[in-house]
Amino acid sequence: MKECDIEKNMEKCNCSYEPCSRKGICCECIQYHWSMKELPACFFPDDVEKTYNRSLRRFIEVYKDRG
């Protein structure tokens, strides 16, 4: 299995939640959020990510309007 390249992942990580222990560890981040029926920060534009509403409903609303 390929090792996680945390430095490379951090270049694209837009998570603004500072105490997050999963930053740059995408597999853990996705599992964590999916267990709560959410998506990680990187699935959202920065302005929406900062609201911390990462629900599936919000994701659909955002991309339905933005195309």
Protein backbone atom coordinates (compact mmCIF):
# COMPACT_ATOMS: atom_id res chain seq x y z
CA MET A 1 0.00 0.00 0.00
CA LYS A 2 1.25 3.48 -0.85
CA GLU A 3 2.28 5.68 2.06
CA CYS A 4 0.42 8.92 2.70
CA ASP A 5 2.32 11.99 1.48
CA ILE A 6 1.18 14.43 4.17
CA GLU A 7 3.28 17.34 2.89
CA LYS A 8 1.83 17.02 -0.62
CA ASN A 9 -1.70 16.62 0.76
CA MET A 10 -1.30 19.75 2.88
CA GLU A 11 -0.66 21.82 -0.27
CA LYS A 12 -4.31 21.28 -1.23
CA CYS A 13 -5.91 20.96 2.22
CA ASN A 14 -8.20 23.91 2.89
CA CYS A 15 -9.38 22.76 6.32
CA SER A 16 -9.54 25.80 8.59
CA TYR A 17 -10.22 23.81 11.76
CA GLU A 18 -6.89 24.30 13.52
CA PRO A 19 -6.93 21.56 16.17
CA CYS A 20 -7.69 18.91 13.51
CA SER A 21 -5.39 15.91 13.92
CA ARG A 22 -6.27 14.51 10.48
CA LYS A 23 -4.95 17.36 8.30
CA GLY A 24 -3.01 15.91 5.41
CA ILE A 25 -4.07 12.36 6.25
CA CYS A 26 -6.86 12.12 3.71
CA CYS A 27 -7.87 8.52 4.36
CA GLU A 28 -8.47 9.27 8.05
CA CYS A 29 -10.21 12.56 7.26
CA ILE A 30 -12.62 10.97 4.79
CA GLN A 31 -13.42 8.08 7.17
CA TYR A 32 -14.01 10.49 10.05
CA HIS A 33 -16.36 12.79 8.15
CA TRP A 34 -18.16 10.01 6.33
CA SER A 35 -18.95 8.33 9.67
CA MET A 36 -20.90 11.50 10.52
CA LYS A 37 -22.57 11.72 7.07
CA GLU A 38 -20.32 14.63 6.14
CA LEU A 39 -17.65 15.37 3.56
CA PRO A 40 -14.17 16.77 4.27
CA ALA A 41 -13.26 20.44 3.84
CA CYS A 42 -11.57 19.84 0.49
CA PHE A 43 -14.95 19.03 -1.08
CA PHE A 44 -16.11 22.60 -0.41
CA PRO A 45 -15.10 26.05 -1.67
CA ASP A 46 -13.19 28.06 0.94
CA ASP A 47 -16.10 30.40 1.74
CA VAL A 48 -18.39 27.46 2.54
CA GLU A 49 -15.70 25.43 4.32
CA LYS A 50 -15.25 28.19 6.88
CA THR A 51 -18.85 27.69 8.06
CA TYR A 52 -17.94 24.13 9.16
CA ASN A 53 -21.22 22.91 7.67
CA ARG A 54 -19.87 19.91 5.80
CA SER A 55 -23.13 18.03 5.53
CA LEU A 56 -24.16 16.20 2.39
CA ARG A 57 -27.15 18.52 2.15
CA ARG A 58 -24.87 21.58 2.13
CA PHE A 59 -22.63 19.99 -0.50
CA ILE A 60 -25.62 19.45 -2.78
CA GLU A 61 -26.90 22.99 -2.17
CA VAL A 62 -23.52 24.52 -3.01
CA TYR A 63 -22.93 22.65 -6.22
CA LYS A 64 -26.53 22.79 -7.36
CA ASP A 65 -26.25 26.60 -7.31
CA ARG A 66 -22.65 26.90 -8.52
CA GLY A 67 -22.78 24.29 -11.23
